[in-house]
Amino acid sequence: MTYSGIPYAAPPVDERRWRPPVRPRSWSGVRDATTPSPPCPQRGMAGFEDCLYLDVTAPRNTRRGGRLPVLVWLHGGGLTSGGAQQQDGVELAVDGDLVVVTINYRLGALGFLSAPSLEGGGNYGLMDQAAALRWVRGNAARFGGDPHNVTLAGQSGGARAVCAQLASPMSRGLFHRAISQSGACDNPVLTLAAAQEFGVRATEDLGCAAAADIAGCLRERTPAELLDIFVGVGMAVNGRVADRPWGPVAGTRVLPQQPGEALRTGGAARVPLLVGGTRDEMRSFVSNQAGLTAEQYRSMLTETFGDQATVVLGKYPVTDYDSPALALATVLSDWGGAIGACPVLRTAEAAATRRPVYAYEFAEDSGQVTTGGFPMGAYHGVDMPYLWTLDPAWPNPYPEPTAAQRRLSATMIDYWSAFAHNGDPNGPRRPHWPEFGDTGTVLTLSTSGIAPTPFAATHRCDFWSALPR
């Protein structure tokens, strides 16, 4: 049973744009909960500023006042796209005996603009997520959920937001477990100084720098004008998370520390963590460069790693790979400046000193090959249909699953839902998942087998840890 379009905060429009969310108006009588939550403004899709809604999916026989675990999902999309309707939580809810909550939160400039003229230092999207968690605490029992057994989960940009919420005092006590898929907490986010530099440039580009009321001028700009600011900035294939203008901002009241630092120093919420990613994260981003030459590969390494490029080239010689593009994808996937393996490992290592951690790598090859002959492997996002039913209104590049892949999907749902129930993914009729602990165990997930994998060695994380980040 799914209840759609439930407001968890007042519309962030007009004077409420770029302000912390506040409670929505209450209603009398029965509210229609059959209309999908409208997406927030984003490029390539019609969206609405009045978008702070969530959807709740629960098993049909769930009783009001029941005590099912709650899983709150933060969608991916680089914090600039996506929505609550993108992933349908029916399979997780029914097969995992969970109440699943998927939320919208403000995106792009509307969610993360940090400018001296605006209060809060950016992070409005993070504030929305915390408001949704407060709504869950106050209302989960009405849908049969336990407000004291909440797992916060997300993928890609949503995983980066999970990391920020782990480090944020604002969300302390609002969730009790965390799942980070393909978005490592170790990757630094924007500092306040860097975010405000972007904010000053945005203010100038929007023609508001000389206005008597800069904040008022910014609030008069249309969503379309805001969506056109900094298109493509920081999105180079060899870029870093902190190169991007829209995302969590550290050094603020909402996020005092970098998420990775908070994990290392004990400043993050001490809740069990399930963390991992796909084996070939960056292949989908490199796939449009299938014609890369060996010389271009060397140039890309120089651009990315500067005076360390020769060392990287020695570790990843182009002759070891079927193509220069595949060599580049491997370097970027292991290094993980934007998304990749070794930051996931460092996240698990930092977290495991103070909380239970379970680490995984999704290694099921997609079997997809581009028209240019580039093998996609286990690319970023290819694990999503193994856990979620994807809404047909959103892009779905993933192949139809085989019978063996459907069995893998069922096992993954068992793991994820068990973790949401009690912080431990283990249970009957599936391979044992050892805690990461002191041994650094990472579980590989594929139809070829589910077992510990030499993750650090495969992705050469000792090599990367010795290089400047």
Protein backbone atom coordinates (compact mmCIF):
# COMPACT_ATOMS: atom_id res chain seq x y z
CA MET A 1 0.00 0.00 0.00
CA THR A 2 1.49 3.34 -1.07
CA TYR A 3 0.43 6.75 0.20
CA SER A 4 1.72 9.45 -2.14
CA GLY A 5 2.19 13.19 -2.05
CA ILE A 6 2.23 13.70 1.72
CA PRO A 7 3.58 17.15 2.66
CA TYR A 8 6.30 17.10 5.30
CA ALA A 9 7.11 20.83 5.08
CA ALA A 10 5.48 24.01 3.85
CA PRO A 11 6.11 24.99 0.21
CA PRO A 12 9.60 26.60 0.01
CA VAL A 13 8.41 29.36 -2.32
CA ASP A 14 8.56 33.18 -2.40
CA GLU A 15 9.93 34.35 0.97
CA ARG A 16 10.44 30.75 2.06
CA ARG A 17 12.90 30.08 -0.77
CA TRP A 18 16.40 29.52 0.70
CA ARG A 19 15.10 29.32 4.23
CA PRO A 20 14.92 26.35 6.61
CA PRO A 21 11.79 24.24 6.10
CA VAL A 22 8.82 24.75 8.42
CA ARG A 23 5.90 22.49 9.20
CA PRO A 24 3.13 22.33 6.59
CA ARG A 25 -0.42 23.41 7.27
CA SER A 26 -2.59 20.70 8.71
CA TRP A 27 -5.74 19.59 6.93
CA SER A 28 -9.12 18.33 8.02
CA GLY A 29 -10.91 15.28 6.69
CA VAL A 30 -9.35 12.75 4.33
CA ARG A 31 -6.44 13.79 2.13
CA ASP A 32 -6.04 12.30 -1.34
CA ALA A 33 -2.81 10.28 -1.20
CA THR A 34 -2.98 8.78 -4.69
CA THR A 35 -1.21 11.55 -6.63
CA PRO A 36 2.57 11.05 -7.02
CA SER A 37 4.83 13.53 -5.30
CA PRO A 38 5.79 16.27 -7.79
CA PRO A 39 9.55 16.44 -8.41
CA CYS A 40 11.58 19.47 -7.39
CA PRO A 41 12.87 21.75 -10.19
CA GLN A 42 15.64 20.15 -12.24
CA ARG A 43 16.98 20.32 -15.77
CA GLY A 44 15.33 18.04 -18.32
CA MET A 45 12.12 17.52 -16.35
CA ALA A 46 9.21 19.68 -15.32
CA GLY A 47 9.42 20.30 -11.60
CA PHE A 48 7.74 22.46 -8.98
CA GLU A 49 9.16 24.53 -6.15
CA ASP A 50 6.26 23.31 -4.04
CA CYS A 51 7.85 19.87 -3.85
CA LEU A 52 8.50 18.96 -0.21
CA TYR A 53 6.43 15.80 -0.25
CA LEU A 54 7.10 12.18 0.53
CA ASP A 55 5.62 8.79 -0.27
CA VAL A 56 5.06 5.98 2.24
CA THR A 57 4.88 2.31 1.21
CA ALA A 58 3.92 -0.34 3.76
CA PRO A 59 2.89 -4.00 3.60
CA ARG A 60 -0.87 -4.21 3.12
CA ASN A 61 -1.56 -5.98 6.42
CA THR A 62 0.42 -3.49 8.52
CA ARG A 63 -1.51 -2.27 11.56
CA ARG A 64 -1.62 1.33 12.68
CA GLY A 65 0.59 1.54 15.74
CA GLY A 66 2.63 -1.44 14.52
CA ARG A 67 6.35 -1.68 14.95
CA LEU A 68 7.89 -2.35 11.54
CA PRO A 69 11.33 -0.86 10.85
CA VAL A 70 11.31 2.25 8.69
CA LEU A 71 13.68 2.80 5.77
CA VAL A 72 13.95 6.43 4.59
CA TRP A 73 15.37 6.70 1.07
CA LEU A 74 17.34 9.65 -0.33
CA HIS A 75 17.31 9.39 -4.12
CA GLY A 76 20.41 9.82 -6.25
CA GLY A 77 21.02 12.26 -9.07
CA GLY A 78 24.04 14.25 -7.96
CA LEU A 79 21.85 16.46 -5.72
CA THR A 80 20.65 18.18 -8.89
CA SER A 81 18.06 15.68 -10.17
CA GLY A 82 15.81 12.83 -9.10
CA GLY A 83 12.69 12.48 -7.00
CA ALA A 84 10.66 10.45 -4.52
CA GLN A 85 8.83 8.61 -7.30
CA GLN A 86 12.01 7.48 -9.03
CA GLN A 87 12.26 4.28 -6.99
CA ASP A 88 9.21 2.26 -5.95
CA GLY A 89 9.68 0.67 -2.54
CA VAL A 90 7.03 -2.05 -2.87
CA GLU A 91 9.47 -4.97 -3.10
CA LEU A 92 11.56 -3.79 -0.17
CA ALA A 93 8.43 -3.11 1.90
CA VAL A 94 6.68 -6.39 1.17
CA ASP A 95 9.61 -8.79 0.93
CA GLY A 96 11.58 -7.06 3.69
CA ASP A 97 8.63 -6.33 6.00
CA LEU A 98 9.49 -2.63 6.16
CA VAL A 99 7.79 0.73 5.97
CA VAL A 100 9.61 2.53 3.13
CA VAL A 101 9.59 6.34 2.91
CA THR A 102 10.91 8.04 -0.25
CA ILE A 103 11.30 11.81 -0.15
CA ASN A 104 11.80 14.84 -2.32
CA TYR A 105 14.30 17.47 -1.20
CA ARG A 106 15.41 20.73 -2.77
CA LEU A 107 18.02 20.30 -5.50
CA GLY A 108 20.71 22.29 -7.27
CA ALA A 109 20.82 26.03 -6.59
CA LEU A 110 17.45 25.91 -4.84
CA GLY A 111 18.78 23.32 -2.41
CA PHE A 112 22.41 24.32 -1.95
CA LEU A 113 23.11 27.93 -2.96
CA SER A 114 25.40 29.45 -0.33
CA ALA A 115 25.65 33.22 -0.58
CA PRO A 116 26.51 35.88 2.01
CA SER A 117 23.08 37.44 1.50
CA LEU A 118 21.25 34.23 2.45
CA GLU A 119 20.93 32.66 5.89
CA GLY A 120 22.03 29.12 6.63
CA GLY A 121 25.18 28.77 4.52
CA GLY A 122 23.36 26.65 1.92
CA ASN A 123 22.44 23.09 2.88
CA TYR A 124 18.69 23.68 2.43
CA GLY A 125 18.38 20.24 0.83
CA LEU A 126 19.98 18.72 3.93
CA MET A 127 17.57 20.68 6.12
CA ASP A 128 14.69 19.25 4.09
CA GLN A 129 15.94 15.72 4.66
CA ALA A 130 16.15 16.35 8.41
CA ALA A 131 12.61 17.76 8.35
CA ALA A 132 11.43 14.57 6.63
CA LEU A 133 13.15 12.51 9.34
CA ARG A 134 11.35 14.56 11.99
CA TRP A 135 8.08 13.89 10.14
CA VAL A 136 8.89 10.17 10.24
CA ARG A 137 9.53 10.36 13.97
CA GLY A 138 6.13 11.97 14.49
CA ASN A 139 4.09 9.95 12.01
CA ALA A 140 5.68 6.56 11.29
CA ALA A 141 3.44 4.77 13.79
CA ARG A 142 0.34 5.88 11.83
CA PHE A 143 1.60 3.66 8.99
CA GLY A 144 2.69 0.76 11.18
CA GLY A 145 6.30 1.92 11.46
CA ASP A 146 8.57 2.18 14.48
CA PRO A 147 9.90 5.76 14.86
CA HIS A 148 12.68 4.36 17.07
CA ASN A 149 13.94 1.98 14.36
CA VAL A 150 14.74 4.13 11.34
CA THR A 151 17.38 3.45 8.69
CA LEU A 152 18.53 6.35 6.50
CA ALA A 153 19.66 5.09 3.09
CA GLY A 154 20.70 6.65 -0.19
CA GLN A 155 22.55 6.10 -3.44
CA SER A 156 25.04 8.34 -5.29
CA GLY A 157 24.13 11.95 -4.39
CA GLY A 158 21.70 10.50 -1.86
CA ALA A 159 24.55 8.52 -0.31
CA ARG A 160 26.62 11.69 0.00
CA ALA A 161 23.63 13.22 1.78
CA VAL A 162 23.49 10.20 4.13
CA CYS A 163 27.15 10.91 4.98
CA ALA A 164 26.31 14.55 5.68
CA GLN A 165 23.40 13.55 7.91
CA LEU A 166 25.68 11.19 9.83
CA ALA A 167 27.93 14.18 10.54
CA SER A 168 25.16 16.71 11.19
CA PRO A 169 24.07 17.59 14.75
CA MET A 170 20.72 18.57 13.21
CA SER A 171 19.84 14.91 12.54
CA ARG A 172 21.26 13.31 15.67
CA GLY A 173 18.84 10.75 17.07
CA LEU A 174 16.51 10.86 14.08
CA PHE A 175 17.84 7.62 12.54
CA HIS A 176 19.43 4.52 13.97
CA ARG A 177 21.25 2.90 11.03
CA ALA A 178 22.66 4.17 7.75
CA ILE A 179 23.21 2.76 4.25
CA SER A 180 25.52 4.51 1.79
CA GLN A 181 25.51 3.13 -1.76
CA SER A 182 28.05 4.54 -4.24
CA GLY A 183 28.76 7.75 -2.36
CA ALA A 184 31.65 7.62 0.10
CA CYS A 185 31.81 9.76 3.23
CA ASP A 186 35.58 10.09 2.77
CA ASN A 187 35.18 12.32 -0.31
CA PRO A 188 35.48 15.95 0.90
CA VAL A 189 32.52 18.23 0.21
CA LEU A 190 32.53 21.99 -0.36
CA THR A 191 33.95 24.21 2.34
CA LEU A 192 31.94 27.28 3.30
CA ALA A 193 34.53 29.57 1.69
CA ALA A 194 34.40 27.67 -1.62
CA ALA A 195 30.60 27.47 -1.56
CA GLN A 196 30.31 31.21 -0.97
CA GLU A 197 32.68 31.89 -3.87
CA PHE A 198 30.21 29.99 -6.04
CA GLY A 199 27.42 32.00 -4.41
CA VAL A 200 29.04 35.33 -5.23
CA ARG A 201 29.52 34.26 -8.85
CA ALA A 202 25.91 33.07 -9.06
CA THR A 203 24.67 36.36 -7.62
CA GLU A 204 26.62 38.22 -10.29
CA ASP A 205 25.46 35.94 -13.10
CA LEU A 206 21.84 36.41 -12.03
CA GLY A 207 22.21 40.20 -12.12
CA CYS A 208 21.68 40.69 -8.39
CA ALA A 209 25.12 41.77 -7.16
CA ALA A 210 24.25 45.48 -7.20
CA ALA A 211 20.69 45.14 -5.95
CA ALA A 212 19.69 47.01 -2.78
CA ASP A 213 18.10 43.78 -1.54
CA ILE A 214 20.27 40.97 -2.91
CA ALA A 215 18.28 38.18 -1.29
CA GLY A 216 15.03 39.67 -2.58
CA CYS A 217 16.50 39.93 -6.08
CA LEU A 218 17.58 36.29 -5.99
CA ARG A 219 14.12 35.23 -4.84
CA GLU A 220 12.59 37.01 -7.83
CA ARG A 221 14.53 34.84 -10.27
CA THR A 222 12.61 31.98 -11.85
CA PRO A 223 13.54 28.34 -11.25
CA ALA A 224 14.51 28.10 -14.93
CA GLU A 225 17.02 30.94 -14.51
CA LEU A 226 18.48 29.25 -11.44
CA LEU A 227 18.76 25.89 -13.18
CA ASP A 228 20.92 27.48 -15.88
CA ILE A 229 23.57 28.59 -13.38
CA PHE A 230 26.85 26.61 -13.48
CA VAL A 231 25.58 23.93 -15.86
CA GLY A 232 28.36 21.35 -16.18
CA VAL A 233 30.68 23.06 -13.69
CA GLY A 234 32.62 20.51 -11.67
CA MET A 235 31.25 17.61 -13.69
CA ALA A 236 34.39 16.72 -15.63
CA VAL A 237 34.92 12.97 -15.73
CA ASN A 238 38.15 13.39 -13.75
CA GLY A 239 36.66 15.86 -11.26
CA ARG A 240 36.25 15.69 -7.50
CA VAL A 241 33.08 15.96 -5.42
CA ALA A 242 34.21 19.33 -4.00
CA ASP A 243 34.53 20.77 -7.53
CA ARG A 244 30.74 20.83 -7.84
CA PRO A 245 28.79 23.97 -6.90
CA TRP A 246 25.72 22.22 -5.48
CA GLY A 247 26.07 19.92 -2.50
CA PRO A 248 26.66 19.76 1.25
CA VAL A 249 28.69 22.63 2.68
CA ALA A 250 31.05 21.91 5.59
CA GLY A 251 31.98 24.50 8.18
CA THR A 252 28.36 25.48 8.77
CA ARG A 253 25.86 25.07 11.60
CA VAL A 254 24.19 22.24 9.71
CA LEU A 255 27.49 20.51 8.87
CA PRO A 256 30.30 21.68 11.18
CA GLN A 257 32.83 19.08 9.97
CA GLN A 258 33.65 17.26 6.77
CA PRO A 259 31.75 13.91 6.92
CA GLY A 260 34.96 11.89 6.63
CA GLU A 261 36.60 13.88 9.41
CA ALA A 262 33.54 13.41 11.61
CA LEU A 263 33.76 9.64 11.14
CA ARG A 264 37.47 9.60 11.93
CA THR A 265 37.30 11.82 15.02
CA GLY A 266 34.09 10.53 16.57
CA GLY A 267 31.89 13.47 15.63
CA ALA A 268 29.47 11.40 13.52
CA ALA A 269 26.41 9.54 14.72
CA ARG A 270 27.44 6.18 16.15
CA VAL A 271 25.00 4.02 14.25
CA PRO A 272 25.63 0.79 12.29
CA LEU A 273 26.68 1.46 8.69
CA LEU A 274 26.27 -0.58 5.51
CA VAL A 275 28.51 0.90 2.81
CA GLY A 276 29.67 -0.03 -0.67
CA GLY A 277 29.43 0.57 -4.38
CA THR A 278 29.69 -1.04 -7.79
CA ARG A 279 32.92 -2.57 -9.09
CA ASP A 280 33.24 -0.34 -12.18
CA GLU A 281 31.66 2.90 -10.96
CA MET A 282 33.17 5.24 -13.53
CA ARG A 283 32.71 3.21 -16.70
CA SER A 284 29.36 4.82 -17.47
CA PHE A 285 30.95 8.28 -17.23
CA VAL A 286 33.92 7.32 -19.44
CA SER A 287 31.83 5.38 -21.97
CA ASN A 288 31.34 8.40 -24.23
CA GLN A 289 35.13 8.61 -24.59
CA ALA A 290 35.53 5.12 -26.04
CA GLY A 291 37.79 6.53 -28.77
CA LEU A 292 40.34 7.90 -26.29
CA THR A 293 43.93 7.50 -27.52
CA ALA A 294 46.96 6.48 -25.47
CA GLU A 295 48.28 10.03 -25.67
CA GLN A 296 44.95 11.45 -24.49
CA TYR A 297 45.01 8.96 -21.61
CA ARG A 298 48.42 10.25 -20.53
CA SER A 299 47.20 13.85 -20.85
CA MET A 300 44.14 13.09 -18.73
CA LEU A 301 46.32 11.59 -16.00
CA THR A 302 48.56 14.67 -16.06
CA GLU A 303 45.53 16.96 -15.84
CA THR A 304 44.14 14.94 -12.93
CA PHE A 305 47.22 14.06 -10.89
CA GLY A 306 49.82 16.67 -11.87
CA ASP A 307 53.34 15.67 -10.92
CA GLN A 308 52.04 12.29 -9.67
CA ALA A 309 50.79 11.34 -13.15
CA THR A 310 53.94 9.37 -14.03
CA VAL A 311 53.54 7.26 -10.89
CA VAL A 312 49.89 6.57 -11.72
CA LEU A 313 50.77 5.72 -15.32
CA GLY A 314 53.37 3.26 -14.05
CA LYS A 315 50.74 1.55 -11.92
CA TYR A 316 48.11 1.59 -14.69
CA PRO A 317 50.02 1.25 -18.00
CA VAL A 318 47.72 1.55 -20.97
CA THR A 319 49.10 -1.69 -22.41
CA ASP A 320 47.49 -3.62 -19.52
CA TYR A 321 44.00 -2.80 -20.81
CA ASP A 322 41.95 -3.48 -23.91
CA SER A 323 41.69 0.24 -24.61
CA PRO A 324 42.90 3.59 -23.21
CA ALA A 325 39.28 4.34 -22.22
CA LEU A 326 39.10 1.18 -20.13
CA ALA A 327 42.42 2.10 -18.49
CA LEU A 328 41.06 5.55 -17.63
CA ALA A 329 37.81 4.12 -16.24
CA THR A 330 39.81 1.76 -14.02
CA VAL A 331 42.03 4.56 -12.70
CA LEU A 332 39.07 6.81 -11.93
CA SER A 333 37.01 3.98 -10.40
CA ASP A 334 39.86 2.95 -8.08
CA TRP A 335 40.91 6.50 -7.17
CA GLY A 336 37.32 7.65 -6.63
CA GLY A 337 37.71 11.43 -6.74
CA ALA A 338 34.02 11.64 -7.60
CA ILE A 339 32.81 8.07 -7.06
CA GLY A 340 34.88 4.96 -6.56
CA ALA A 341 36.37 2.16 -4.53
CA CYS A 342 39.13 3.45 -2.30
CA PRO A 343 37.09 6.26 -0.67
CA VAL A 344 34.52 3.57 0.18
CA LEU A 345 37.25 1.53 1.86
CA ARG A 346 38.51 4.56 3.81
CA THR A 347 34.92 5.31 4.86
CA ALA A 348 34.52 1.77 6.19
CA GLU A 349 37.87 1.93 7.99
CA ALA A 350 37.04 5.23 9.68
CA ALA A 351 33.54 4.18 10.66
CA ALA A 352 34.52 0.74 11.96
CA THR A 353 36.49 2.17 14.88
CA ARG A 354 33.26 3.23 16.62
CA ARG A 355 30.35 1.30 15.08
CA PRO A 356 29.48 -1.96 13.31
CA VAL A 357 30.20 -1.71 9.57
CA TYR A 358 29.27 -4.04 6.72
CA ALA A 359 31.01 -3.35 3.40
CA TYR A 360 30.14 -4.71 -0.05
CA GLU A 361 30.99 -4.48 -3.72
CA PHE A 362 28.32 -5.11 -6.34
CA ALA A 363 30.22 -6.96 -9.07
CA GLU A 364 27.51 -8.33 -11.36
CA ASP A 365 28.55 -7.47 -14.93
CA SER A 366 25.76 -5.75 -16.82
CA GLY A 367 26.77 -7.43 -20.08
CA GLN A 368 26.13 -4.11 -21.82
CA VAL A 369 28.49 -2.83 -24.51
CA THR A 370 28.17 0.61 -26.09
CA THR A 371 27.92 1.11 -29.84
CA GLY A 372 31.57 2.16 -29.67
CA GLY A 373 32.50 -1.23 -28.25
CA PHE A 374 33.09 -0.11 -24.66
CA PRO A 375 32.14 -2.74 -22.03
CA MET A 376 30.06 -1.18 -19.24
CA GLY A 377 30.79 -3.83 -16.60
CA ALA A 378 29.26 -3.23 -13.15
CA TYR A 379 28.77 0.50 -13.67
CA HIS A 380 27.40 3.21 -11.40
CA GLY A 381 23.73 2.63 -10.61
CA VAL A 382 23.43 -0.83 -12.16
CA ASP A 383 22.66 -2.25 -8.70
CA MET A 384 19.53 -0.13 -8.32
CA PRO A 385 17.00 -2.49 -10.00
CA TYR A 386 18.22 -5.28 -7.71
CA LEU A 387 16.69 -3.41 -4.76
CA TRP A 388 13.99 -1.20 -6.26
CA THR A 389 11.29 -1.21 -8.90
CA LEU A 390 12.16 1.76 -11.10
CA ASP A 391 9.43 4.16 -12.14
CA PRO A 392 8.98 4.08 -15.95
CA ALA A 393 8.72 7.88 -16.07
CA TRP A 394 12.44 8.11 -15.22
CA PRO A 395 15.40 6.95 -17.35
CA ASN A 396 16.07 3.22 -17.02
CA PRO A 397 19.17 2.07 -18.94
CA TYR A 398 19.41 -1.27 -17.16
CA PRO A 399 19.02 -4.68 -18.87
CA GLU A 400 16.23 -7.11 -18.02
CA PRO A 401 17.39 -9.49 -15.26
CA THR A 402 18.01 -13.18 -15.80
CA ALA A 403 16.63 -15.80 -13.41
CA ALA A 404 19.98 -15.92 -11.59
CA GLN A 405 19.99 -12.13 -11.28
CA ARG A 406 16.47 -12.19 -9.83
CA ARG A 407 17.74 -14.61 -7.18
CA LEU A 408 20.64 -12.23 -6.47
CA SER A 409 18.08 -9.42 -6.15
CA ALA A 410 16.09 -11.41 -3.61
CA THR A 411 19.23 -12.08 -1.57
CA MET A 412 20.20 -8.40 -1.61
CA ILE A 413 16.72 -7.39 -0.45
CA ASP A 414 17.09 -9.92 2.39
CA TYR A 415 20.46 -8.42 3.37
CA TRP A 416 19.30 -4.79 3.20
CA SER A 417 16.02 -5.41 5.04
CA ALA A 418 17.70 -7.48 7.78
CA PHE A 419 20.13 -4.62 8.33
CA ALA A 420 17.17 -2.23 8.59
CA HIS A 421 15.54 -4.52 11.15
CA ASN A 422 18.45 -4.91 13.56
CA GLY A 423 21.71 -3.52 12.15
CA ASP A 424 22.98 -6.92 10.97
CA PRO A 425 22.40 -8.13 7.37
CA ASN A 426 22.81 -11.81 8.26
CA GLY A 427 20.05 -14.37 8.41
CA PRO A 428 18.97 -17.79 7.15
CA ARG A 429 19.32 -19.05 3.56
CA ARG A 430 22.04 -16.64 2.48
CA PRO A 431 25.85 -16.52 2.73
CA HIS A 432 27.30 -15.09 5.92
CA TRP A 433 28.32 -11.42 5.70
CA PRO A 434 31.25 -10.81 8.08
CA GLU A 435 31.51 -7.47 9.82
CA PHE A 436 34.19 -5.23 8.28
CA GLY A 437 35.90 -4.90 11.67
CA ASP A 438 39.65 -5.24 12.00
CA THR A 439 39.92 -7.68 9.09
CA GLY A 440 38.62 -5.25 6.47
CA THR A 441 36.21 -7.79 4.98
CA VAL A 442 34.30 -6.64 1.90
CA LEU A 443 31.58 -8.91 0.51
CA THR A 444 31.25 -9.24 -3.26
CA LEU A 445 27.72 -9.55 -4.62
CA SER A 446 27.22 -11.27 -7.97
CA THR A 447 25.64 -14.33 -9.55
CA SER A 448 29.12 -15.86 -9.70
CA GLY A 449 29.20 -15.94 -5.93
CA ILE A 450 28.70 -14.03 -2.71
CA ALA A 451 31.89 -14.14 -0.67
CA PRO A 452 34.68 -11.96 0.78
CA THR A 453 36.75 -10.30 -1.94
CA PRO A 454 40.30 -8.86 -1.88
CA PHE A 455 38.84 -5.41 -2.38
CA ALA A 456 41.81 -3.31 -1.23
CA ALA A 457 44.27 -5.25 -3.37
CA THR A 458 42.03 -5.35 -6.45
CA HIS A 459 41.56 -1.59 -6.39
CA ARG A 460 45.15 -0.85 -5.26
CA CYS A 461 44.01 1.20 -2.30
CA ASP A 462 47.41 1.07 -0.58
CA PHE A 463 48.84 2.78 -3.65
CA TRP A 464 46.14 5.46 -3.64
CA SER A 465 46.42 6.10 0.10
CA ALA A 466 50.07 7.06 -0.40
CA LEU A 467 49.23 9.75 -2.98
CA PRO A 468 47.96 13.26 -2.22
CA ARG A 469 44.18 13.42 -2.52
